[in-house]
Structures are given as C-alpha cells and as structure tokens.
Protein backbone atom coordinates (compact mmCIF):
# COMPACT_ATOMS: atom_id res chain seq x y z
CA UNK A 1 12.54 99.32 71.26
CA UNK A 2 13.43 100.53 67.79
CA UNK A 3 15.79 103.03 69.35
CA UNK A 4 17.38 100.28 71.43
CA UNK A 5 17.80 98.04 68.37
CA UNK A 6 19.31 100.96 66.46
CA UNK A 7 21.77 101.53 69.28
CA UNK A 8 22.73 97.84 69.42
CA UNK A 9 23.27 97.70 65.70
CA UNK A 10 25.49 100.76 65.65
CA UNK A 11 27.63 99.65 68.63
CA UNK A 12 29.74 96.99 66.75
CA UNK A 13 30.59 99.52 64.10
CA UNK A 14 31.80 101.89 66.75
CA UNK A 15 34.05 99.17 68.26
CA UNK A 16 35.41 98.35 64.82
CA UNK A 17 36.28 102.01 64.35
CA UNK A 18 38.24 102.05 67.59
CA UNK A 19 40.20 98.95 66.57
CA UNK A 20 41.03 100.52 63.22
CA UNK A 21 42.35 103.61 64.95
CA UNK A 22 44.55 101.50 67.27
CA UNK A 23 45.94 99.49 64.37
CA UNK A 24 46.65 102.66 62.43
CA UNK A 25 48.45 104.16 65.46
CA UNK A 26 50.54 100.99 65.85
CA UNK A 27 51.48 101.02 62.17
CA UNK A 28 52.45 104.69 62.37
CA UNK A 29 54.52 104.03 65.52
CA UNK A 30 56.31 101.09 63.89
CA UNK A 31 56.94 103.18 60.80
CA UNK A 32 58.48 105.90 62.95
CA UNK A 33 60.66 103.31 64.74
CA UNK A 34 61.85 101.89 61.43
CA UNK A 35 62.55 105.37 60.17
CA UNK A 36 64.56 106.17 63.29
CA UNK A 37 66.58 102.96 62.97
CA UNK A 38 67.27 103.68 59.31
CA UNK A 39 68.38 107.19 60.17
CA UNK A 40 70.71 105.94 62.92
CA UNK A 41 72.12 103.34 60.54
CA UNK A 42 72.78 105.98 57.88
CA UNK A 43 74.43 108.31 60.40
CA UNK A 44 76.63 105.47 61.70
CA UNK A 45 77.58 104.45 58.15
CA UNK A 46 78.55 108.05 57.31
CA UNK A 47 80.61 108.33 60.49
CA UNK A 48 82.44 105.07 59.84
CA UNK A 49 83.04 106.08 56.22
CA UNK A 50 84.64 109.32 57.39
CA UNK A 51 86.76 107.46 59.99
CA UNK A 52 87.72 104.01 58.65
CA UNK A 53 90.18 103.44 61.48
CA UNK A 54 87.29 103.69 63.95
CA UNK A 55 85.37 101.09 61.99
CA UNK A 56 88.31 98.71 62.03
CA UNK A 57 88.74 99.23 65.76
CA UNK A 58 85.06 98.53 66.45
CA UNK A 59 85.07 95.41 64.32
CA UNK A 60 88.23 94.11 65.96
CA UNK A 61 87.76 94.14 69.72
CA UNK A 62 90.36 91.89 71.29
CA UNK A 63 90.43 91.07 75.00
CA UNK A 64 93.41 92.46 76.90
CA UNK A 65 95.77 90.21 78.81
CA UNK A 66 96.78 90.64 82.45
CA UNK A 67 100.03 92.33 81.44
CA UNK A 68 98.25 94.76 79.10
CA UNK A 69 95.79 95.69 81.83
CA UNK A 70 98.65 96.07 84.30
CA UNK A 71 100.62 98.34 81.98
CA UNK A 72 97.49 100.40 81.34
CA UNK A 73 96.97 100.85 85.08
CA UNK A 74 100.64 101.61 85.74
CA UNK A 75 100.72 104.39 83.16
CA UNK A 76 97.87 106.09 85.03
CA UNK A 77 99.41 105.62 88.48
CA UNK A 78 101.36 108.71 89.63
CA UNK A 79 103.25 106.63 92.21
CA UNK A 80 104.61 104.39 89.46
CA UNK A 81 105.57 107.36 87.30
CA UNK A 82 107.38 109.18 90.12
CA UNK A 83 109.20 106.10 91.41
CA UNK A 84 110.05 104.95 87.88
CA UNK A 85 111.59 108.30 86.94
CA UNK A 86 113.51 108.40 90.21
CA UNK A 87 114.85 104.88 89.71
CA UNK A 88 115.80 105.70 86.12
CA UNK A 89 117.77 108.69 87.40
CA UNK A 90 119.51 106.57 90.04
CA UNK A 91 120.44 103.91 87.49
CA UNK A 92 121.94 106.58 85.22
CA UNK A 93 123.90 107.95 88.17
CA UNK A 94 125.16 104.47 89.04
CA UNK A 95 126.25 103.75 85.45
CA UNK A 96 127.70 107.18 84.61
CA UNK A 97 128.51 109.06 87.84
CA UNK A 98 130.89 111.33 85.92
CA UNK A 99 127.84 113.04 84.40
CA UNK A 100 127.14 114.67 87.77
CA UNK A 101 130.64 115.23 89.13
CA UNK A 102 134.20 115.31 87.89
CA UNK A 103 135.69 114.97 91.37
CA UNK A 104 137.42 111.72 92.31
CA UNK A 105 135.70 110.35 95.45
CA UNK A 106 139.02 108.89 96.64
CA UNK A 107 140.93 112.17 96.39
CA UNK A 108 141.05 113.72 99.85
CA UNK A 109 142.58 116.79 101.48
CA UNK A 110 142.99 116.66 105.26
CA UNK A 111 143.14 120.44 105.46
CA UNK A 112 139.43 120.48 104.56
CA UNK A 113 138.42 117.84 107.10
CA UNK A 114 134.79 118.11 108.21
CA UNK A 115 134.25 121.44 106.46
CA UNK A 116 130.66 122.28 105.60
CA UNK A 117 129.18 122.98 102.17
CA UNK A 118 131.11 125.51 100.11
CA UNK A 119 131.12 126.76 96.54
CA UNK A 120 131.89 123.85 94.24
CA UNK A 121 131.40 121.35 97.09
CA UNK A 122 127.67 121.51 97.94
CA UNK A 123 127.78 118.62 100.45
CA UNK A 124 130.99 119.60 102.22
CA UNK A 125 133.86 117.28 103.20
CA UNK A 126 134.17 114.24 105.45
CA UNK A 127 136.72 113.48 108.15
CA UNK A 128 139.39 112.48 105.61
CA UNK A 129 138.77 115.60 103.56
CA UNK A 130 136.98 113.75 100.74
CA UNK A 131 134.17 115.43 98.84
CA UNK A 132 130.86 114.18 100.28
CA UNK A 133 128.96 115.01 97.10
CA UNK A 134 131.30 112.92 94.95
CA UNK A 135 131.14 110.02 97.39
CA UNK A 136 127.34 110.22 97.52
CA UNK A 137 127.14 110.12 93.72
CA UNK A 138 129.63 107.26 93.34
CA UNK A 139 128.09 105.38 96.28
CA UNK A 140 124.96 104.75 94.23
CA UNK A 141 126.91 102.31 92.02
CA UNK A 142 127.78 99.85 94.80
CA UNK A 143 124.39 99.98 96.51
CA UNK A 144 122.30 99.59 93.34
CA UNK A 145 124.64 96.90 91.96
CA UNK A 146 124.27 94.84 95.12
CA UNK A 147 120.50 95.32 95.18
CA UNK A 148 119.88 94.48 91.52
CA UNK A 149 122.26 91.51 91.34
CA UNK A 150 121.10 90.04 94.66
CA UNK A 151 117.46 90.38 93.63
CA UNK A 152 118.10 88.80 90.23
CA UNK A 153 120.03 85.90 91.76
CA UNK A 154 117.44 85.29 94.47
CA UNK A 155 114.61 85.45 91.91
CA UNK A 156 116.30 82.97 89.56
CA UNK A 157 117.22 80.45 92.26
CA UNK A 158 113.92 80.83 94.09
CA UNK A 159 111.83 80.52 90.92
CA UNK A 160 113.68 77.41 89.73
CA UNK A 161 113.57 75.58 93.05
CA UNK A 162 110.10 76.76 94.04
CA UNK A 163 108.74 75.99 90.58
CA UNK A 164 110.17 72.46 90.68
CA UNK A 165 108.70 71.89 94.13
CA UNK A 166 105.25 73.11 93.09
CA UNK A 167 105.17 71.34 89.72
CA UNK A 168 106.53 67.90 90.59
CA UNK A 169 105.38 67.67 94.20
CA UNK A 170 106.15 64.47 96.13
CA UNK A 171 109.67 63.97 97.41
CA UNK A 172 111.02 66.91 95.38
CA UNK A 173 108.58 69.25 97.11
CA UNK A 174 109.42 67.82 100.52
CA UNK A 175 113.19 68.10 100.09
CA UNK A 176 113.18 71.61 98.60
CA UNK A 177 110.66 72.88 101.16
CA UNK A 178 112.66 71.53 104.10
CA UNK A 179 115.91 73.02 102.79
CA UNK A 180 114.14 76.34 102.27
CA UNK A 181 112.83 76.20 105.84
CA UNK A 182 116.38 75.75 107.14
CA UNK A 183 117.67 78.82 105.31
CA UNK A 184 114.49 80.75 106.03
CA UNK A 185 115.00 80.22 109.74
CA UNK A 186 118.36 82.04 109.71
CA UNK A 187 117.93 85.81 110.31
CA UNK A 188 119.62 87.45 107.36
CA UNK A 189 121.23 90.22 109.41
CA UNK A 190 122.52 87.82 112.06
CA UNK A 191 123.74 85.49 109.33
CA UNK A 192 125.66 88.37 107.77
CA UNK A 193 127.34 89.18 111.07
CA UNK A 194 128.40 85.54 111.47
CA UNK A 195 129.38 84.52 107.94
CA UNK A 196 130.80 87.74 106.53
CA UNK A 197 132.91 88.44 109.62
CA UNK A 198 135.10 85.41 108.89
CA UNK A 199 135.78 86.48 105.29
CA UNK A 200 138.77 88.78 104.92
CA UNK A 201 138.04 89.96 101.36
CA UNK A 202 134.50 91.30 101.11
CA UNK A 203 133.85 92.56 97.62
CA UNK A 204 130.53 93.42 96.04
CA UNK A 205 130.10 89.90 94.68
CA UNK A 206 130.74 88.30 98.07
CA UNK A 207 127.94 90.38 99.57
CA UNK A 208 125.69 89.55 96.61
CA UNK A 209 126.35 85.82 96.99
CA UNK A 210 125.55 85.96 100.70
CA UNK A 211 122.24 87.75 100.12
CA UNK A 212 121.28 85.23 97.41
CA UNK A 213 122.04 82.28 99.70
CA UNK A 214 119.75 83.59 102.44
CA UNK A 215 117.25 85.42 100.23
CA UNK A 216 116.06 82.74 97.79
CA UNK A 217 113.71 80.87 100.22
CA UNK A 218 111.24 83.78 100.32
CA UNK A 219 110.87 83.83 96.55
CA UNK A 220 110.84 80.03 96.42
CA UNK A 221 107.75 79.96 98.64
CA UNK A 222 106.00 82.50 96.43
CA UNK A 223 106.94 80.60 93.27
CA UNK A 224 105.82 77.26 94.72
CA UNK A 225 102.38 78.58 95.66
CA UNK A 226 101.91 80.33 92.30
CA UNK A 227 102.90 77.20 90.34
CA UNK A 228 100.56 74.98 92.37
CA UNK A 229 97.70 77.39 91.67
CA UNK A 230 98.46 77.61 87.95
CA UNK A 231 98.93 73.84 87.63
CA UNK A 232 95.32 73.25 88.67
CA UNK A 233 93.83 75.43 85.93
CA UNK A 234 91.80 73.96 83.09
CA UNK A 235 94.13 75.15 80.33
CA UNK A 236 97.00 73.16 81.87
CA UNK A 237 94.81 70.06 82.05
CA UNK A 238 93.83 70.55 78.41
CA UNK A 239 97.45 70.99 77.33
CA UNK A 240 98.45 67.85 79.20
CA UNK A 241 95.59 65.92 77.56
CA UNK A 242 96.87 67.05 74.16
CA UNK A 243 100.25 65.50 74.91
CA UNK A 244 102.31 68.46 76.14
CA UNK A 245 105.37 67.42 78.13
CA UNK A 246 106.50 68.72 81.49
CA UNK A 247 108.92 71.22 79.99
CA UNK A 248 106.36 72.69 77.61
CA UNK A 249 103.72 72.86 80.34
CA UNK A 250 106.11 74.67 82.67
CA UNK A 251 107.52 77.14 80.14
CA UNK A 252 104.52 77.86 77.94
CA UNK A 253 101.54 77.54 80.26
CA UNK A 254 102.44 77.63 83.96
CA UNK A 255 105.40 79.99 84.35
CA UNK A 256 103.92 82.93 82.37
CA UNK A 257 100.83 82.79 84.61
CA UNK A 258 102.78 82.33 87.85
CA UNK A 259 105.47 84.97 87.43
CA UNK A 260 103.35 87.99 88.46
CA UNK A 261 103.59 87.52 92.28
CA UNK A 262 107.31 86.72 91.92
CA UNK A 263 107.91 90.04 90.16
CA UNK A 264 106.00 91.92 92.85
CA UNK A 265 107.93 90.37 95.75
CA UNK A 266 111.27 90.73 93.94
CA UNK A 267 110.67 94.43 93.27
CA UNK A 268 109.95 95.13 96.92
CA UNK A 269 112.88 92.94 98.00
CA UNK A 270 115.27 94.99 95.85
CA UNK A 271 114.86 98.00 98.09
CA UNK A 272 115.25 95.78 101.14
CA UNK A 273 118.53 94.35 99.83
CA UNK A 274 119.93 97.84 99.21
CA UNK A 275 119.15 98.73 102.81
CA UNK A 276 120.66 95.41 103.95
CA UNK A 277 123.94 96.14 102.16
CA UNK A 278 124.13 99.55 103.81
CA UNK A 279 123.38 98.01 107.20
CA UNK A 280 126.08 95.37 106.84
CA UNK A 281 128.59 98.00 105.71
CA UNK A 282 127.58 100.23 108.62
CA UNK A 283 128.25 97.35 111.04
CA UNK A 284 131.65 96.73 109.48
CA UNK A 285 130.93 93.32 107.91
CA UNK A 286 129.79 94.46 104.49
CA UNK A 287 131.77 96.32 101.87
CA UNK A 288 135.17 97.67 102.84
CA UNK A 289 137.20 100.68 101.65
CA UNK A 290 138.33 101.67 99.07
CA UNK A 291 134.86 100.71 97.81
CA UNK A 292 132.58 103.75 97.95
CA UNK A 293 129.32 102.87 99.67
CA UNK A 294 126.60 104.81 101.44
CA UNK A 295 126.78 102.40 104.36
CA UNK A 296 130.52 103.00 104.81
CA UNK A 297 130.06 106.77 104.73
CA UNK A 298 127.18 106.64 107.23
CA UNK A 299 129.28 104.49 109.55
CA UNK A 300 132.23 106.90 109.33
CA UNK A 301 130.00 109.92 110.00
CA UNK A 302 128.04 108.47 112.92
CA UNK A 303 130.65 109.50 115.51
CA UNK A 304 130.86 113.12 114.32
CA UNK A 305 127.19 113.81 113.69
CA UNK A 306 126.98 116.49 116.39
CA UNK A 307 129.79 118.61 114.91
CA UNK A 308 129.49 117.71 111.19
CA UNK A 309 125.92 116.56 110.47
CA UNK A 310 126.34 117.05 106.71
CA UNK A 311 128.61 114.00 106.59
CA UNK A 312 125.72 111.73 107.57
CA UNK A 313 122.63 113.51 106.24
CA UNK A 314 123.46 113.42 102.55
CA UNK A 315 124.42 109.73 102.14
CA UNK A 316 121.62 108.71 104.51
CA UNK A 317 119.16 110.80 102.52
CA UNK A 318 120.29 109.24 99.24
CA UNK A 319 119.90 105.77 100.74
CA UNK A 320 116.42 106.52 102.08
CA UNK A 321 115.21 107.96 98.76
CA UNK A 322 116.55 104.95 96.85
CA UNK A 323 114.94 102.39 99.14
CA UNK A 324 111.66 104.32 99.17
CA UNK A 325 111.62 104.52 95.36
CA UNK A 326 111.95 100.75 94.93
CA UNK A 327 109.35 100.02 97.61
CA UNK A 328 106.91 102.46 95.97
CA UNK A 329 107.54 100.80 92.62
CA UNK A 330 106.84 97.38 94.13
CA UNK A 331 103.59 98.61 95.67
CA UNK A 332 102.45 100.07 92.35
CA UNK A 333 103.28 96.85 90.48
CA UNK A 334 101.46 94.81 93.13
CA UNK A 335 98.33 96.94 92.80
CA UNK A 336 98.42 96.62 89.01
CA UNK A 337 98.91 92.84 88.95
CA UNK A 338 96.49 91.91 91.74
CA UNK A 339 93.14 90.93 90.19
CA UNK A 340 91.38 91.34 93.55
CA UNK A 341 92.04 95.09 93.47
CA UNK A 342 90.36 95.61 90.09
C-alpha cells in the first residue's frame, strides 16, 4: 500500500512533465516558424530593393482586357506571324510594284508569245508577249484593292444596319432583317453574272460596289447578334440607369464589346472577296483590260495550259497564296478573340 500511494502521488508530476515538454516543443516550433517568416520577409525586401521595377510591377497588377489578351495570344501564334508577314509583303507589292520589277506589264512583244521562263523573265511570256512576272506583280494591286475596299464597305454598312436592328429592335429590326434576307438570298456569283453583264464599263469601283451590295447582309447578321448580346449585359443597364443616351450607349459601351466577331468574319471575308473578283474576271464579267488582274490572266491562259502552263500557274499561285494568307489570318484572329477557346 505505501508503494501504491507513492506511485499514485508521483504520477501527476509525471503527467505535468509531459505537458511541459509539449508546450516547450510548440513554443520552439512557433519560434522557428516566426524566424522563417522573418527571414523570407528580409530576403523579399532585399530582392525588391535591388529591383524596384519588380516591386512596382507586383504592387500594380492590372487585369488585361480582351484585346490585350488577344494581342498576347496572336504574338505567340506562328500562323498569325506567317500570314501577317505574307500579307504585309503583298500590301507592299500592291502599293509599290516597281520595287520588284521595272517592266511595264502592258508592254508586249508578239515575237516572244508563249515563251517559257528565260533570263530576266523568270515567269516567261503570255500569248500577247507580255511579261508574266510583271503582270503577276502588278495584278496584286487590283485584287487586293477590291478585297480590302469591298470588305471595308461591307463591314461599315453591315455594322451600321445590323447594329441599329439589334439595338432598337421593333419595326427597325423587322425592316432591316427582311431587307437583309432578300439580299442574302441572292447568290453572289449568280448576281455578278446577271448585274455586271449589263454594265459596259466595269472598273475596280464598280466591282467593289457590287460586292458591298450583296456582301453586307452577312456582316449585318453578325453585328445584330453581337449587339443584342452586349445590350443585355449589366454594365449597359447600369449606364442606362445613370442617364446615358442611346448614342453614348452604342458608341461607348455596346460597339466596343460587339466588334470582335465582326472583325473575325470581315477578315475571313476579305480573302473570299479577292477570290470572288478573280472568279468574276475569269468569267468575263469582272474587271476588263487594260486593267491587270490575276483573274484576267488566268482566263487568258486557260485555253493554252497544255502548251504553256507557266501562263496559268504563276498568277493562279499568287492568287491562292493571297487568299490562303487572309483566311489563315482570320482563323488566328478568331482563335484569339473567342473566349470559349481560352
């Protein structure tokens, strides 16, 4: 019994010793944690002191907009870089064709008719004895001018009419939508064969006007849907509650957020319009000589392809590369501006 009582009396002291050891371990652990945090803080302070620009960047973290994210993605996209450089080269060729050739594309020599590539004339000669290389270089001006101007006109008309239909709704939406359906139902190639065939003088601007007349409904539909979607957003409701008028809502709040799909469709349509101009010229209802066009040269070379293939291959190759470049650019822009692909 005395031994038992001695054991029972010493047991609480033993438990107290264990608790003291646990508390001491916790204090030591917390001290180590605080020391580690202080060390990390000192290291970070020294690093920021050595690089103040890094400190300013970390303190000022601003969210990027859709356009900033898109530009960041485009710069990393090899398809965009390749197509952009190719289009830049084509635009330079269209503006200053004399940089690549000093030969007049309208100067011909019948004694050299259908001759193949020679020194100084890498693409050979056509049936009239004109230099195919010079005509290929100068043909970029007409094709790219028609494509760019037709796309710009269709985008402006389609955005204005489609934006009005989507923003105001009601009778304005009904009238504009029905008119767009009428023009949308006319096949653009068949319409060109019908309307352009009755016009005796077919210049570049006549072809551009025709493409705009039949091309705006596609962009109007895109603009209408984008405006309707943007109009339902909370920031537009808040701006309207603060007293913003229709013009301010459209210009400052809706249009900047609805223009992305319009740009994508317009970029892809540009390549399509270049191919359309060449097709109309090939069929004889587009541009007419003395205008230099890839479509005219392809049409003239189609009958002699078996004996002089170089007359067709070079302008057709230039046309294909140009159309492909603009379509690739449109695909890259679409991928960059589509939030669903992020």
